[in-house]
Amino acid sequence: MQVANNNESEIVKLLSAPETQRKGFEMAVHQYGEQLYWQVRRIVLTHDDANDVMQNVFVKAWSHLDTFRNASRLSTWLYRIAVNESLDFMRRKKGMATICVDEEAGIANMLVADKYFDGDETEAQLQEVIASLPDVQRTVFNLRYYENMKYSEISKVLNTTEGALKASYHIAVKKISDYFKSRD
């Protein structure tokens, strides 16, 4: 997540004082909301699900502000919450009896029909392939490819080693590449 450090430091300063905490939180929502939404959306895929998860993300962030220790960047902390909430949502969704096992097969069609999706057919197919990746590979790919995050920052978000992340990203890219090569 690319954010001006001085803006983030100002938000963190506001969050640390009880009398300015609400203003700081509103600034954080304004500063990071859209980027977090798109990260969540790439994991859960639909606009409605992304909105539900985003509500949970900001409720959790607000209720756990006292646990933010400034050991990592605020944006990294928020990303960790967003990724964890998204993955929890997907695990719950997969566990529901009403979810069809072959649901991923129609993701491209679902995205093209979604009024909030502004990509073309190729982007929809890419999202379908990404959705078929295991959770960790999908998350690493999204953070690296779409958010252009450094492995060091992703490692803080996912609480894993940079080497493991590089391997996951490489495998994800290979699977995506193989998919598009097979369609030629």
Protein backbone atom coordinates (compact mmCIF):
# COMPACT_ATOMS: atom_id res chain seq x y z
CA MET A 1 0.00 0.00 0.00
CA GLN A 2 1.62 3.22 -1.13
CA VAL A 3 0.88 6.03 1.33
CA ALA A 4 2.71 9.23 2.13
CA ASN A 5 4.57 8.60 5.40
CA ASN A 6 3.80 12.07 6.77
CA ASN A 7 0.08 11.45 6.26
CA GLU A 8 0.32 8.10 8.01
CA SER A 9 2.31 9.60 10.89
CA GLU A 10 -0.33 12.31 11.31
CA ILE A 11 -3.09 9.67 11.42
CA VAL A 12 -1.15 7.55 13.94
CA LYS A 13 -0.59 10.61 16.12
CA LEU A 14 -4.33 11.38 16.09
CA LEU A 15 -5.17 7.74 16.86
CA SER A 16 -2.90 7.70 19.89
CA ALA A 17 -4.75 10.47 21.74
CA PRO A 18 -8.26 9.65 23.04
CA GLU A 19 -9.59 13.14 22.23
CA THR A 20 -8.53 12.90 18.56
CA GLN A 21 -8.95 9.16 18.04
CA ARG A 22 -12.26 9.42 16.16
CA LYS A 23 -10.85 12.04 13.76
CA GLY A 24 -7.75 9.88 13.20
CA PHE A 25 -9.88 6.84 12.51
CA GLU A 26 -12.03 8.77 10.02
CA MET A 27 -8.84 9.88 8.27
CA ALA A 28 -7.60 6.28 8.20
CA VAL A 29 -10.87 5.08 6.68
CA HIS A 30 -10.67 7.84 4.08
CA GLN A 31 -6.97 7.22 3.37
CA TYR A 32 -7.02 3.43 3.16
CA GLY A 33 -10.66 2.49 2.55
CA GLU A 34 -10.58 2.20 -1.23
CA GLN A 35 -7.29 0.28 -1.38
CA LEU A 36 -8.46 -2.10 1.34
CA TYR A 37 -11.81 -2.54 -0.44
CA TRP A 38 -10.10 -3.64 -3.65
CA GLN A 39 -7.80 -6.03 -1.79
CA VAL A 40 -10.81 -7.56 -0.04
CA ARG A 41 -12.76 -7.62 -3.31
CA ARG A 42 -10.00 -9.59 -5.04
CA ILE A 43 -10.28 -12.23 -2.34
CA VAL A 44 -14.07 -12.44 -1.89
CA LEU A 45 -14.90 -11.41 -5.48
CA THR A 46 -18.34 -9.80 -5.16
CA HIS A 47 -19.15 -6.21 -4.26
CA ASP A 48 -21.73 -7.15 -1.63
CA ASP A 49 -19.38 -9.62 0.08
CA ALA A 50 -16.54 -7.07 -0.04
CA ASN A 51 -18.77 -4.46 1.61
CA ASP A 52 -19.73 -6.92 4.36
CA VAL A 53 -16.09 -7.81 4.99
CA MET A 54 -15.04 -4.14 4.95
CA GLN A 55 -17.57 -3.36 7.67
CA ASN A 56 -16.03 -6.13 9.77
CA VAL A 57 -12.52 -4.85 9.02
CA PHE A 58 -13.23 -1.34 10.26
CA VAL A 59 -15.26 -2.52 13.26
CA LYS A 60 -12.38 -4.80 14.25
CA ALA A 61 -9.80 -2.06 13.64
CA TRP A 62 -11.77 0.44 15.75
CA SER A 63 -12.36 -2.01 18.59
CA HIS A 64 -8.69 -3.09 18.61
CA LEU A 65 -7.01 0.31 18.25
CA ASP A 66 -5.43 -0.20 21.64
CA THR A 67 -3.52 -3.21 20.24
CA PHE A 68 -1.86 -1.17 17.50
CA ARG A 69 1.65 -0.70 18.87
CA ASN A 70 3.17 1.21 15.97
CA ALA A 71 5.67 -1.68 15.55
CA SER A 72 4.59 -1.85 11.92
CA ARG A 73 2.96 0.73 9.69
CA LEU A 74 -0.71 1.47 10.23
CA SER A 75 -1.41 0.45 6.63
CA THR A 76 0.26 -2.92 7.22
CA TRP A 77 -1.81 -3.46 10.37
CA LEU A 78 -5.02 -2.62 8.49
CA TYR A 79 -4.03 -4.90 5.61
CA ARG A 80 -3.45 -7.75 8.05
CA ILE A 81 -6.94 -7.26 9.48
CA ALA A 82 -8.46 -7.04 5.97
CA VAL A 83 -6.70 -10.14 4.68
CA ASN A 84 -7.56 -12.16 7.79
CA GLU A 85 -11.21 -11.08 7.68
CA SER A 86 -11.38 -11.91 3.96
CA LEU A 87 -9.85 -15.34 4.41
CA ASP A 88 -12.13 -16.05 7.40
CA PHE A 89 -15.11 -15.01 5.28
CA MET A 90 -14.05 -17.35 2.47
CA ARG A 91 -13.55 -20.25 4.89
CA ARG A 92 -17.02 -19.67 6.35
CA LYS A 93 -18.50 -19.40 2.86
CA LYS A 94 -16.86 -22.64 1.71
CA GLY A 95 -18.23 -24.34 4.81
CA MET A 96 -21.83 -23.41 4.03
CA ALA A 97 -23.94 -26.22 2.61
CA THR A 98 -25.53 -23.87 0.08
CA ILE A 99 -22.25 -23.16 -1.70
CA CYS A 100 -21.74 -25.20 -4.84
CA VAL A 101 -18.38 -26.94 -5.16
CA ASP A 102 -18.03 -25.70 -8.76
CA GLU A 103 -18.78 -22.06 -7.90
CA GLU A 104 -15.36 -20.87 -9.10
CA ALA A 105 -16.14 -22.13 -12.61
CA GLY A 106 -18.53 -19.25 -13.15
CA ILE A 107 -16.50 -16.41 -11.68
CA ALA A 108 -15.66 -14.82 -15.04
CA ASN A 109 -19.35 -14.75 -16.01
CA MET A 110 -20.34 -13.46 -12.58
CA LEU A 111 -17.76 -10.66 -12.75
CA VAL A 112 -18.73 -9.56 -16.27
CA ALA A 113 -22.36 -9.36 -15.11
CA ASP A 114 -21.42 -7.37 -11.96
CA LYS A 115 -22.22 -3.67 -12.47
CA TYR A 116 -19.25 -2.74 -10.25
CA PHE A 117 -16.74 -4.72 -12.34
CA ASP A 118 -15.04 -2.46 -14.87
CA GLY A 119 -12.64 -4.94 -16.46
CA ASP A 120 -12.85 -6.76 -19.77
CA GLU A 121 -13.24 -10.49 -20.50
CA THR A 122 -9.49 -11.11 -20.09
CA GLU A 123 -9.50 -9.48 -16.65
CA ALA A 124 -12.53 -11.59 -15.71
CA GLN A 125 -10.68 -14.75 -16.81
CA LEU A 126 -7.61 -13.65 -14.84
CA GLN A 127 -9.79 -13.20 -11.75
CA GLU A 128 -11.26 -16.67 -12.31
CA VAL A 129 -7.78 -18.22 -12.41
CA ILE A 130 -6.68 -16.23 -9.36
CA ALA A 131 -9.80 -17.40 -7.50
CA SER A 132 -8.87 -21.01 -8.21
CA LEU A 133 -5.51 -20.60 -6.46
CA PRO A 134 -5.11 -21.76 -2.85
CA ASP A 135 -5.80 -18.98 -0.32
CA VAL A 136 -2.16 -18.14 0.44
CA GLN A 137 -1.05 -18.10 -3.20
CA ARG A 138 -4.07 -15.97 -4.14
CA THR A 139 -3.42 -13.50 -1.35
CA VAL A 140 0.32 -13.24 -2.04
CA PHE A 141 -0.33 -12.78 -5.76
CA ASN A 142 -2.92 -10.05 -5.14
CA LEU A 143 -0.74 -8.14 -2.69
CA ARG A 144 2.33 -8.33 -4.91
CA TYR A 145 0.74 -7.90 -8.34
CA TYR A 146 -2.11 -5.46 -7.65
CA GLU A 147 -0.80 -3.60 -4.62
CA ASN A 148 2.87 -3.76 -5.63
CA MET A 149 3.78 -4.56 -2.03
CA LYS A 150 7.32 -5.53 -1.19
CA TYR A 151 7.88 -9.04 0.12
CA SER A 152 9.05 -7.57 3.43
CA GLU A 153 5.71 -5.83 3.90
CA ILE A 154 3.68 -8.86 2.76
CA SER A 155 5.64 -10.92 5.26
CA LYS A 156 4.39 -8.63 8.05
CA VAL A 157 0.80 -8.80 6.78
CA LEU A 158 0.78 -12.59 6.48
CA ASN A 159 3.24 -13.28 9.30
CA THR A 160 5.47 -15.56 7.24
CA THR A 161 8.94 -15.56 5.71
CA GLU A 162 9.89 -13.70 2.56
CA GLY A 163 11.24 -16.93 1.06
CA ALA A 164 7.89 -18.67 1.49
CA LEU A 165 6.14 -15.68 -0.07
CA LYS A 166 8.46 -15.64 -3.07
CA ALA A 167 7.82 -19.35 -3.60
CA SER A 168 4.04 -18.85 -3.33
CA TYR A 169 4.14 -15.94 -5.76
CA HIS A 170 6.28 -17.87 -8.25
CA ILE A 171 3.92 -20.87 -8.13
CA ALA A 172 0.87 -18.62 -8.54
CA VAL A 173 2.40 -16.84 -11.54
CA LYS A 174 3.29 -20.20 -13.12
CA LYS A 175 -0.27 -21.51 -12.67
CA ILE A 176 -1.74 -18.33 -14.15
CA SER A 177 0.72 -18.40 -17.04
CA ASP A 178 0.01 -22.09 -17.72
CA TYR A 179 -3.73 -21.39 -17.78
CA PHE A 180 -3.42 -18.66 -20.40
CA LYS A 181 -0.94 -20.71 -22.47
CA SER A 182 -3.37 -23.63 -22.50
CA ARG A 183 -6.10 -21.35 -23.93
CA ASP A 184 -4.01 -20.42 -26.98
